[in-house]
Structure formats: C-alpha cells, structure tokens
Amino acid sequence: MSTIFESIRIESQKKLDELRNELKLAYPEGDLNNQICIYACGSMGRLEMTEKSDLDLFFVTEDKGPQNFVIANLDKYLFFSKLYQINSRLKYQVPSKGGMYWDFTPKENLLDIGSRQEDYNNSFTARMLLLLESKPLYNENAYKKIVKETIDKYFSDYTDYSDKFYPLFLMNDILRYWYTLTLNYEYRRDDKDDANKRYWKRLKLKYARLITCYSMLACLYHKNISPDYVLKCVEMTPFERLSMLGSERKEIKDIVSEIETAYEWYLELRKEGPEWWNEPQNKIEAMTQADNFHNLVVHKFMKCVADGNPALRNKADVY
C-alpha cells in the first residue's frame, strides 16, 4: 500500500487504541458491563479516520435479563453517560441525531438472520457492519465469540456440503445491505443540505461503503470457502482484503493497484474544506471520479474475480 494509506492507517490505529484504553478504565472488569461488547465501524473500523471523523459504535449484549430487559434503564443511562464523557474528552463529534443510535442490541437479535424483525430493529445493519468493517473496542472475547457464531449461522449447511459449498446466504445478505444503502441514500437525500454535506454523502456511498461491501464479496468468490477463511477476512480492513486477493491472483493484481490509486484520490479529497464544492468544475470532477470508481470496482474488478469461478458466477450475480 502507498504511504497515504499507511499514514492514515497508523493514525487511525492510535485513535483506536486510545479509545480502547479509555473504555477499559471507564468500565472495569467484573462489572455489569462484562455482558456488553462494543465494536467500532465506519472510518475507525476501516482505519481511515480524519480529524472530522465521529464514532460509529455498536453495542451488543450477551442475552436478555430475567425481566426481558437487555440492560436495566438506570445502568443503561450510566453506561452511555460515561461513554458521552469519553466522546467529549477525546474531542469526537457529537453522536448523530443526539445519540439516537446508541442502544443495546441483544445477541439473539443479531443472530436472528432473515427474520422480519431485523429490518426495523437495526440488527441487520449491526450484523453486516460487524462482518464488513468492524474492530473490537471493549470485551474482545465476546466480540470474537459473536463474530464466530454469526459466521457459523451463515454456514449451517457447511459440514454436509463442504466440498462444494457456496456462501450464497452470506453473499445475498451483503448485496441486500448494499442495495439498502443505495435506497436509503435516495430516500434521505435532502436538497436543502448544503453542497458539502450533500456531495459528501454521495462520495461516501460510492467509495467507502461500496468498497466495504465488494471487498468481502470478492473474497467470497473463492473455491472451498470455509468459516475460518471468512473469519480471517472479517479481521481485515477492506483494502487488506484487496491486497490479499491481489497477491493470490495475478490476473487481478493490476486492477487492485488501480482501485487503490483511485481510492487515494478520495482519501486526499477529505482534507478539503466546504468551500471546495463552490466551484462547479470540482463538483463535476468529484461525481465523475465517483462514477468511474463504481464502474472499476463493480464491473471491471468483480467481473475479473467472478470469471475465475464460473460455477459460482452462474449462481450469484454481483456485478
């Protein structure tokens, strides 16, 4: 990877470690909070943070209590009060929508794959981001256990068909998540937003969110996929996955380099202030670059990856 990727990764890792230490001090072992697992997604999960990055966090509980509550209300308020103090002390942005998404997800909801409830209780998003771009922050043992149980759920038929198993269940969910992101973008697009916010939403969709989904889909276009292999991919960032694929398969190595170079443009653009969008030519350039990146990943790259496994290509349409 280039020096741009490496410098951003190093600084992001420092922020990740800093937050882990703060959480460990705030929630000591032996407390109620041993029931809770916290993981980071977004730019921290991808190790692509900037000075303006906020904390995109998920909170999973091992199970519900005897009265069917995830965590008692008072404990919940105390828990998130400490977290808000940490957020402020480390000078992250105020949580989006006043912390509306700071809530606990029972593990049983996370593993309730395919149910109607997951579309509105946020467990589908929590599960997809867990597999696609997460890093453990608190209670790493619980995090690893949840990741393994989630993967095992998708591989429930693996032992009977290991010699010809295709992870179509998981691939379909990743594609569903990508389509949900695009639909949500259209639904929530607000012409009243300033240009900086409006165009950044589109760029994040076309770059960061796209590569998060398709880097994992590309890894699943692999012969003899096993749960352990998927676990290995979950532990990687999106571009670590691409680097692995490029080193394994010569026919896609040049395309991976092309993707990395195109993504560097997006990483560098994040340094620009809102005034950058005031120039009409800049808007045209940004949207052209975004469309080109989409075509590069979804069509050129995925076609090359899929051509290497025609048996799976005939079962899964991902580009």
Protein backbone atom coordinates (compact mmCIF):
# COMPACT_ATOMS: atom_id res chain seq x y z
CA MET A 1 0.00 0.00 0.00
CA SER A 2 1.03 3.62 -0.54
CA THR A 3 2.35 6.00 2.09
CA ILE A 4 -1.06 7.74 2.07
CA PHE A 5 -2.83 4.55 3.12
CA GLU A 6 -0.14 3.68 5.64
CA SER A 7 -0.05 7.07 7.38
CA ILE A 8 -3.83 7.17 7.72
CA ARG A 9 -3.86 3.58 8.99
CA ILE A 10 -1.21 4.33 11.65
CA GLU A 11 -3.02 7.41 12.95
CA SER A 12 -6.34 5.56 12.98
CA GLN A 13 -4.81 2.68 14.92
CA LYS A 14 -3.56 5.16 17.53
CA LYS A 15 -7.07 6.57 17.93
CA LEU A 16 -8.49 3.06 18.15
CA ASP A 17 -6.03 2.09 20.89
CA GLU A 18 -6.67 5.34 22.74
CA LEU A 19 -10.41 4.70 22.78
CA ARG A 20 -9.91 1.10 23.89
CA ASN A 21 -7.86 2.27 26.87
CA GLU A 22 -10.49 4.86 27.83
CA LEU A 23 -13.26 2.25 27.73
CA LYS A 24 -11.23 -0.20 29.78
CA LEU A 25 -10.76 2.42 32.50
CA ALA A 26 -14.40 3.53 32.43
CA TYR A 27 -15.87 0.03 32.53
CA PRO A 28 -13.63 -2.18 34.70
CA GLU A 29 -13.77 -5.96 34.57
CA GLY A 30 -16.10 -7.69 36.99
CA ASP A 31 -18.77 -5.05 36.40
CA LEU A 32 -22.18 -5.50 34.80
CA ASN A 33 -20.52 -4.43 31.60
CA ASN A 34 -18.87 -7.81 31.10
CA GLN A 35 -22.17 -8.64 29.41
CA ILE A 36 -21.54 -5.94 26.81
CA CYS A 37 -19.46 -5.98 23.64
CA ILE A 38 -18.61 -2.73 21.84
CA TYR A 39 -17.23 -2.56 18.32
CA ALA A 40 -16.37 0.33 16.02
CA CYS A 41 -17.41 0.62 12.39
CA GLY A 42 -17.17 3.44 9.86
CA SER A 43 -13.84 5.16 9.36
CA MET A 44 -12.44 3.79 12.64
CA GLY A 45 -13.38 0.25 11.68
CA ARG A 46 -11.74 0.71 8.26
CA LEU A 47 -8.74 2.50 9.84
CA GLU A 48 -9.38 5.55 7.63
CA MET A 49 -10.05 8.26 10.19
CA THR A 50 -9.72 12.00 9.72
CA GLU A 51 -9.80 14.85 12.23
CA LYS A 52 -13.52 15.22 11.50
CA SER A 53 -14.46 11.56 11.98
CA ASP A 54 -17.12 10.67 14.52
CA LEU A 55 -17.56 7.43 16.43
CA ASP A 56 -19.74 4.85 14.71
CA LEU A 57 -20.29 2.33 17.50
CA PHE A 58 -22.44 -0.74 18.12
CA PHE A 59 -23.29 -2.31 21.47
CA VAL A 60 -24.22 -5.98 21.72
CA THR A 61 -25.36 -7.75 24.89
CA GLU A 62 -24.84 -11.43 25.55
CA ASP A 63 -28.52 -12.04 26.37
CA LYS A 64 -31.62 -10.52 27.92
CA GLY A 65 -32.09 -10.33 31.65
CA PRO A 66 -34.67 -12.23 33.69
CA GLN A 67 -37.27 -9.49 33.15
CA ASN A 68 -36.66 -9.48 29.38
CA PHE A 69 -34.72 -6.21 29.52
CA VAL A 70 -31.34 -6.05 27.81
CA ILE A 71 -29.89 -3.76 30.47
CA ALA A 72 -31.79 -2.09 33.29
CA ASN A 73 -32.62 1.54 32.47
CA LEU A 74 -30.51 3.08 35.21
CA ASP A 75 -27.46 1.02 34.23
CA LYS A 76 -28.06 1.95 30.60
CA TYR A 77 -28.11 5.68 31.38
CA LEU A 78 -24.96 5.42 33.48
CA PHE A 79 -23.23 3.42 30.76
CA PHE A 80 -23.91 5.92 27.98
CA SER A 81 -23.23 8.89 30.25
CA LYS A 82 -19.67 7.63 30.73
CA LEU A 83 -19.37 7.00 27.01
CA TYR A 84 -20.51 10.53 26.19
CA GLN A 85 -17.87 11.92 28.56
CA ILE A 86 -15.22 9.87 26.75
CA ASN A 87 -16.53 11.06 23.40
CA SER A 88 -16.24 14.68 24.53
CA ARG A 89 -12.85 14.26 26.19
CA LEU A 90 -11.35 12.76 23.03
CA LYS A 91 -12.95 15.58 21.01
CA TYR A 92 -15.06 13.49 18.68
CA GLN A 93 -18.15 14.98 17.09
CA VAL A 94 -21.45 14.81 18.94
CA PRO A 95 -23.16 11.48 18.15
CA SER A 96 -25.50 11.72 15.18
CA LYS A 97 -29.12 12.61 15.99
CA GLY A 98 -28.24 13.23 19.61
CA GLY A 99 -27.11 9.67 20.26
CA MET A 100 -30.32 8.07 18.97
CA TYR A 101 -28.36 5.06 17.70
CA TRP A 102 -26.54 4.49 20.99
CA ASP A 103 -28.52 1.50 22.21
CA PHE A 104 -28.02 -2.15 23.03
CA THR A 105 -28.66 -4.95 20.54
CA PRO A 106 -29.27 -8.39 22.08
CA LYS A 107 -27.07 -11.05 20.53
CA GLU A 108 -30.14 -13.13 19.79
CA ASN A 109 -31.39 -10.33 17.50
CA LEU A 110 -28.05 -10.20 15.73
CA LEU A 111 -28.25 -13.93 15.03
CA ASP A 112 -31.92 -13.86 14.00
CA ILE A 113 -30.89 -13.90 10.35
CA GLY A 114 -33.65 -13.47 7.80
CA SER A 115 -36.43 -12.55 10.23
CA ARG A 116 -38.85 -9.73 9.53
CA GLN A 117 -37.82 -8.00 12.76
CA GLU A 118 -34.24 -7.37 11.63
CA ASP A 119 -35.40 -4.81 9.07
CA TYR A 120 -36.55 -2.38 11.74
CA ASN A 121 -34.63 -3.24 14.93
CA ASN A 122 -31.26 -2.31 13.36
CA SER A 123 -29.83 -5.82 13.87
CA PHE A 124 -29.33 -6.33 10.11
CA THR A 125 -27.13 -3.24 9.87
CA ALA A 126 -25.31 -4.18 13.08
CA ARG A 127 -24.60 -7.67 11.74
CA MET A 128 -23.44 -6.55 8.31
CA LEU A 129 -21.08 -3.93 9.71
CA LEU A 130 -19.80 -6.47 12.25
CA LEU A 131 -18.68 -8.67 9.35
CA LEU A 132 -17.66 -5.98 6.85
CA GLU A 133 -15.77 -3.25 8.71
CA SER A 134 -15.63 -3.71 12.48
CA LYS A 135 -12.92 -3.50 15.09
CA PRO A 136 -13.42 -4.63 18.71
CA LEU A 137 -13.28 -1.89 21.33
CA TYR A 138 -14.48 -3.47 24.54
CA ASN A 139 -14.73 -7.10 25.64
CA GLU A 140 -12.78 -8.58 22.74
CA ASN A 141 -13.51 -12.16 23.79
CA ALA A 142 -17.25 -11.54 23.47
CA TYR A 143 -16.65 -9.83 20.13
CA LYS A 144 -14.76 -12.82 18.74
CA LYS A 145 -17.46 -15.18 20.01
CA ILE A 146 -20.21 -13.14 18.34
CA VAL A 147 -18.32 -13.00 15.03
CA LYS A 148 -17.78 -16.77 15.07
CA GLU A 149 -21.41 -17.51 15.95
CA THR A 150 -22.60 -15.18 13.19
CA ILE A 151 -20.41 -16.83 10.58
CA ASP A 152 -21.44 -20.29 11.76
CA LYS A 153 -25.07 -19.29 11.30
CA TYR A 154 -24.41 -18.47 7.65
CA PHE A 155 -22.52 -21.76 7.27
CA SER A 156 -25.11 -24.01 8.89
CA ASP A 157 -25.05 -26.41 5.90
CA TYR A 158 -21.29 -26.37 5.51
CA THR A 159 -20.48 -29.69 7.19
CA ASP A 160 -22.77 -31.60 4.82
CA TYR A 161 -21.54 -29.87 1.64
CA SER A 162 -18.03 -28.65 2.46
CA ASP A 163 -16.56 -29.91 -0.83
CA LYS A 164 -18.96 -27.82 -2.94
CA PHE A 165 -20.27 -25.22 -0.51
CA TYR A 166 -21.02 -21.73 -1.82
CA PRO A 167 -21.72 -18.97 0.75
CA LEU A 168 -24.77 -17.70 -1.15
CA PHE A 169 -26.69 -16.94 2.05
CA LEU A 170 -23.98 -14.53 3.20
CA MET A 171 -23.38 -13.09 -0.28
CA ASN A 172 -27.08 -12.36 -0.69
CA ASP A 173 -27.17 -10.53 2.64
CA ILE A 174 -24.15 -8.40 1.70
CA LEU A 175 -25.79 -7.49 -1.59
CA ARG A 176 -29.04 -6.74 0.22
CA TYR A 177 -27.13 -4.45 2.55
CA TRP A 178 -25.52 -2.64 -0.41
CA TYR A 179 -28.89 -2.17 -2.11
CA THR A 180 -30.34 -0.93 1.19
CA LEU A 181 -27.57 1.67 1.43
CA THR A 182 -28.31 2.94 -2.06
CA LEU A 183 -32.07 3.06 -1.39
CA ASN A 184 -31.53 4.87 1.92
CA TYR A 185 -29.32 7.40 0.16
CA GLU A 186 -32.07 8.21 -2.34
CA TYR A 187 -34.77 8.31 0.33
CA ARG A 188 -32.83 10.56 2.70
CA ARG A 189 -31.35 12.86 0.09
CA ASP A 190 -32.30 16.39 1.02
CA ASP A 191 -31.80 19.22 -1.47
CA LYS A 192 -31.85 21.61 1.47
CA ASP A 193 -28.49 20.24 2.66
CA ASP A 194 -25.52 22.41 1.81
CA ALA A 195 -23.39 21.26 -1.12
CA ASN A 196 -20.60 19.98 1.11
CA LYS A 197 -22.90 17.66 3.04
CA ARG A 198 -24.93 16.59 0.01
CA TYR A 199 -21.97 15.67 -2.17
CA TRP A 200 -20.04 14.02 0.64
CA LYS A 201 -22.96 11.67 1.28
CA ARG A 202 -22.77 10.52 -2.31
CA LEU A 203 -18.99 10.15 -2.29
CA LYS A 204 -19.07 8.10 0.92
CA LEU A 205 -21.60 5.80 -0.70
CA LYS A 206 -19.65 5.47 -3.95
CA TYR A 207 -16.27 4.96 -2.28
CA ALA A 208 -16.14 3.82 1.36
CA ARG A 209 -19.41 1.93 1.56
CA LEU A 210 -19.03 0.37 -1.86
CA ILE A 211 -15.52 -0.95 -1.23
CA THR A 212 -16.58 -2.28 2.18
CA CYS A 213 -19.25 -4.47 0.60
CA TYR A 214 -17.48 -5.53 -2.58
CA SER A 215 -14.13 -6.32 -0.98
CA MET A 216 -15.88 -9.01 1.07
CA LEU A 217 -17.94 -10.24 -1.89
CA ALA A 218 -14.71 -10.63 -3.88
CA CYS A 219 -13.20 -12.70 -1.06
CA LEU A 220 -16.25 -14.99 -1.10
CA TYR A 221 -15.62 -15.70 -4.80
CA HIS A 222 -13.13 -18.28 -3.68
CA LYS A 223 -13.05 -22.05 -4.02
CA ASN A 224 -13.69 -24.17 -0.94
CA ILE A 225 -14.79 -21.31 1.29
CA SER A 226 -14.67 -22.27 4.97
CA PRO A 227 -15.86 -20.49 8.13
CA ASP A 228 -12.22 -20.00 9.16
CA TYR A 229 -11.45 -18.27 5.88
CA VAL A 230 -14.37 -15.87 6.35
CA LEU A 231 -13.25 -15.20 9.91
CA LYS A 232 -9.83 -14.26 8.54
CA CYS A 233 -11.46 -11.85 6.07
CA VAL A 234 -13.59 -10.25 8.80
CA GLU A 235 -10.43 -9.40 10.74
CA MET A 236 -9.09 -7.46 7.74
CA THR A 237 -9.90 -3.96 6.57
CA PRO A 238 -11.43 -3.69 3.07
CA PHE A 239 -8.10 -2.83 1.48
CA GLU A 240 -6.26 -5.55 3.35
CA ARG A 241 -8.71 -7.95 1.72
CA LEU A 242 -7.99 -6.49 -1.70
CA SER A 243 -4.23 -6.74 -1.11
CA MET A 244 -4.62 -10.39 -0.13
CA LEU A 245 -6.62 -11.14 -3.29
CA GLY A 246 -4.13 -9.26 -5.47
CA SER A 247 -1.23 -11.28 -4.06
CA GLU A 248 -3.10 -14.56 -4.53
CA ARG A 249 -4.34 -13.98 -8.07
CA LYS A 250 -2.07 -12.44 -10.70
CA GLU A 251 -4.94 -11.64 -13.06
CA ILE A 252 -6.43 -9.09 -10.65
CA LYS A 253 -3.22 -7.62 -9.19
CA ASP A 254 -3.14 -4.67 -11.61
CA ILE A 255 -6.83 -3.91 -11.06
CA VAL A 256 -6.30 -3.89 -7.29
CA SER A 257 -3.49 -1.34 -7.75
CA GLU A 258 -5.83 0.72 -9.93
CA ILE A 259 -8.50 0.63 -7.22
CA GLU A 260 -6.03 1.69 -4.53
CA THR A 261 -4.83 4.65 -6.63
CA ALA A 262 -8.41 5.75 -7.34
CA TYR A 263 -9.32 5.48 -3.65
CA GLU A 264 -6.33 7.61 -2.66
CA TRP A 265 -7.94 10.49 -4.55
CA TYR A 266 -10.98 10.15 -2.27
CA LEU A 267 -8.81 9.98 0.86
CA GLU A 268 -6.94 13.13 -0.14
CA LEU A 269 -10.14 14.97 -1.03
CA ARG A 270 -11.37 14.56 2.55
CA LYS A 271 -8.81 17.20 3.58
CA GLU A 272 -10.64 19.86 1.54
CA GLY A 273 -12.99 22.28 3.27
CA PRO A 274 -16.61 23.07 2.34
CA GLU A 275 -15.51 25.86 0.00
CA TRP A 276 -14.06 23.27 -2.40
CA TRP A 277 -17.59 22.43 -3.53
CA ASN A 278 -18.32 26.03 -4.51
CA GLU A 279 -16.54 25.53 -7.82
CA PRO A 280 -18.84 23.88 -10.41
CA GLN A 281 -15.88 22.14 -12.04
CA ASN A 282 -14.96 20.50 -8.74
CA LYS A 283 -18.44 19.04 -8.40
CA ILE A 284 -18.24 17.63 -11.91
CA GLU A 285 -14.80 16.16 -11.22
CA ALA A 286 -15.94 14.55 -7.94
CA MET A 287 -19.03 12.92 -9.42
CA THR A 288 -17.11 11.74 -12.48
CA GLN A 289 -14.41 10.20 -10.29
CA ALA A 290 -17.07 8.53 -8.14
CA ASP A 291 -18.86 7.03 -11.13
CA ASN A 292 -15.56 5.80 -12.56
CA PHE A 293 -14.65 4.19 -9.24
CA HIS A 294 -18.02 2.45 -9.09
CA ASN A 295 -17.53 1.04 -12.58
CA LEU A 296 -13.96 0.00 -11.79
CA VAL A 297 -14.98 -1.98 -8.70
CA VAL A 298 -18.42 -3.31 -9.56
CA HIS A 299 -17.89 -4.11 -13.22
CA LYS A 300 -14.21 -4.44 -14.11
CA PHE A 301 -12.89 -5.88 -10.84
CA MET A 302 -15.83 -8.10 -9.93
CA LYS A 303 -16.11 -9.45 -13.48
CA CYS A 304 -12.47 -10.49 -13.37
CA VAL A 305 -12.93 -12.05 -9.92
CA ALA A 306 -16.12 -13.87 -10.96
CA ASP A 307 -14.59 -15.18 -14.19
CA GLY A 308 -12.15 -17.13 -12.04
CA ASN A 309 -15.00 -19.14 -10.52
CA PRO A 310 -17.63 -19.77 -13.24
CA ALA A 311 -19.51 -22.32 -11.14
CA LEU A 312 -20.27 -19.67 -8.53
CA ARG A 313 -20.73 -16.92 -11.12
CA ASN A 314 -23.70 -18.85 -12.50
CA LYS A 315 -25.30 -18.85 -9.05
CA ALA A 316 -24.58 -15.30 -7.89
CA ASP A 317 -24.94 -12.07 -9.84
CA VAL A 318 -22.85 -9.41 -8.10
CA TYR A 319 -21.94 -7.00 -10.87
